[in-house]
């Protein structure tokens, strides 16, 4: 089983926030991040950037876990 460190937990939370935000945008045309922090304000851009970087980190982590899970320890 994959053990998550603090960075993985933070990345997971940010990816979930981003996914929920995109769900709101798609379903209701409502951008929660922009509503809270302002449309494309500095803090909004930082949040969007962190969500994107977290997604990249999660993809790399998932790919790494997938390739190493197929290997058996003797």
C-alpha atoms as a PDB file:
ATOM      1  CA  UNK A   1       0.000   0.000   0.000  1.00  0.00           C
ATOM      2  CA  UNK A   2       1.180   3.521  -0.830  1.00  0.00           C
ATOM      3  CA  UNK A   3       2.030   5.688   2.172  1.00  0.00           C
ATOM      4  CA  UNK A   4       1.423   9.384   1.650  1.00  0.00           C
ATOM      5  CA  UNK A   5       3.776  12.017   3.001  1.00  0.00           C
ATOM      6  CA  UNK A   6       2.754  15.589   3.887  1.00  0.00           C
ATOM      7  CA  UNK A   7       3.471  16.897   0.375  1.00  0.00           C
ATOM      8  CA  UNK A   8       1.281  14.192  -1.152  1.00  0.00           C
ATOM      9  CA  UNK A   9      -1.573  15.082   1.201  1.00  0.00           C
ATOM     10  CA  UNK A  10      -1.310  18.786   0.370  1.00  0.00           C
ATOM     11  CA  UNK A  11      -1.187  18.005  -3.351  1.00  0.00           C
ATOM     12  CA  UNK A  12      -4.217  15.724  -3.047  1.00  0.00           C
ATOM     13  CA  UNK A  13      -6.232  18.380  -1.207  1.00  0.00           C
ATOM     14  CA  UNK A  14      -5.320  21.022  -3.802  1.00  0.00           C
ATOM     15  CA  UNK A  15      -6.252  18.705  -6.682  1.00  0.00           C
ATOM     16  CA  UNK A  16      -9.610  17.971  -5.038  1.00  0.00           C
ATOM     17  CA  UNK A  17     -10.238  21.711  -4.546  1.00  0.00           C
ATOM     18  CA  UNK A  18      -9.374  22.296  -8.202  1.00  0.00           C
ATOM     19  CA  UNK A  19     -11.613  19.467  -9.364  1.00  0.00           C
ATOM     20  CA  UNK A  20     -14.539  20.730  -7.285  1.00  0.00           C
ATOM     21  CA  UNK A  21     -13.985  24.240  -8.633  1.00  0.00           C
ATOM     22  CA  UNK A  22     -14.022  22.956 -12.227  1.00  0.00           C
ATOM     23  CA  UNK A  23     -17.184  20.995 -11.450  1.00  0.00           C
ATOM     24  CA  UNK A  24     -18.833  24.205 -10.250  1.00  0.00           C
ATOM     25  CA  UNK A  25     -17.642  26.032 -13.368  1.00  0.00           C
ATOM     26  CA  UNK A  26     -18.984  23.293 -15.640  1.00  0.00           C
ATOM     27  CA  UNK A  27     -22.315  22.808 -13.913  1.00  0.00           C
ATOM     28  CA  UNK A  28     -23.197  26.304 -12.743  1.00  0.00           C
ATOM     29  CA  UNK A  29     -20.734  28.656 -14.485  1.00  0.00           C
ATOM     30  CA  UNK A  30     -19.518  29.620 -10.999  1.00  0.00           C
ATOM     31  CA  UNK A  31     -15.809  29.960 -10.199  1.00  0.00           C
ATOM     32  CA  UNK A  32     -15.515  29.638  -6.405  1.00  0.00           C
ATOM     33  CA  UNK A  33     -11.846  30.657  -6.279  1.00  0.00           C
ATOM     34  CA  UNK A  34     -12.591  33.830  -8.254  1.00  0.00           C
ATOM     35  CA  UNK A  35     -15.654  34.533  -6.098  1.00  0.00           C
ATOM     36  CA  UNK A  36     -13.593  34.324  -2.901  1.00  0.00           C
ATOM     37  CA  UNK A  37     -10.323  35.938  -3.984  1.00  0.00           C
ATOM     38  CA  UNK A  38     -11.285  38.015  -7.036  1.00  0.00           C
ATOM     39  CA  UNK A  39     -11.174  37.226 -10.714  1.00  0.00           C
ATOM     40  CA  UNK A  40      -7.543  36.630 -11.681  1.00  0.00           C
ATOM     41  CA  UNK A  41      -6.232  38.457  -8.632  1.00  0.00           C
ATOM     42  CA  UNK A  42      -2.728  37.664  -7.477  1.00  0.00           C
ATOM     43  CA  UNK A  43      -3.923  35.163  -4.869  1.00  0.00           C
ATOM     44  CA  UNK A  44      -6.280  33.490  -7.370  1.00  0.00           C
ATOM     45  CA  UNK A  45      -3.416  33.041  -9.810  1.00  0.00           C
ATOM     46  CA  UNK A  46      -1.256  31.552  -7.049  1.00  0.00           C
ATOM     47  CA  UNK A  47      -4.032  29.105  -6.134  1.00  0.00           C
ATOM     48  CA  UNK A  48      -4.572  28.102  -9.780  1.00  0.00           C
ATOM     49  CA  UNK A  49      -0.801  27.617 -10.177  1.00  0.00           C
ATOM     50  CA  UNK A  50      -0.554  25.498  -7.012  1.00  0.00           C
ATOM     51  CA  UNK A  51      -3.478  23.349  -8.153  1.00  0.00           C
ATOM     52  CA  UNK A  52      -1.802  22.798 -11.529  1.00  0.00           C
ATOM     53  CA  UNK A  53       1.559  21.961  -9.963  1.00  0.00           C
ATOM     54  CA  UNK A  54      -0.190  19.604  -7.547  1.00  0.00           C
ATOM     55  CA  UNK A  55      -1.830  17.799 -10.456  1.00  0.00           C
ATOM     56  CA  UNK A  56       1.559  17.346 -12.131  1.00  0.00           C
ATOM     57  CA  UNK A  57       3.025  16.073  -8.852  1.00  0.00           C
ATOM     58  CA  UNK A  58       0.122  13.619  -8.423  1.00  0.00           C
ATOM     59  CA  UNK A  59       0.557  12.344 -11.996  1.00  0.00           C
ATOM     60  CA  UNK A  60       4.264  11.734 -11.440  1.00  0.00           C
ATOM     61  CA  UNK A  61       3.581  10.088  -8.069  1.00  0.00           C
ATOM     62  CA  UNK A  62       0.869   7.861  -9.557  1.00  0.00           C
ATOM     63  CA  UNK A  63       3.083   6.868 -12.485  1.00  0.00           C
ATOM     64  CA  UNK A  64       5.942   6.089 -10.122  1.00  0.00           C
ATOM     65  CA  UNK A  65       3.708   4.017  -7.854  1.00  0.00           C
ATOM     66  CA  UNK A  66       2.317   2.130 -10.840  1.00  0.00           C
ATOM     67  CA  UNK A  67       5.719   1.233 -12.248  1.00  0.00           C
ATOM     68  CA  UNK A  68       7.155   0.195  -8.871  1.00  0.00           C
ATOM     69  CA  UNK A  69       4.097  -1.779  -7.743  1.00  0.00           C
ATOM     70  CA  UNK A  70       4.700  -4.333 -10.480  1.00  0.00           C
ATOM     71  CA  UNK A  71       8.130  -5.158  -9.100  1.00  0.00           C
ATOM     72  CA  UNK A  72       8.341  -7.808  -6.375  1.00  0.00           C
ATOM     73  CA  UNK A  73      10.838  -7.734  -3.547  1.00  0.00           C
ATOM     74  CA  UNK A  74      12.714 -10.969  -2.919  1.00  0.00           C
END
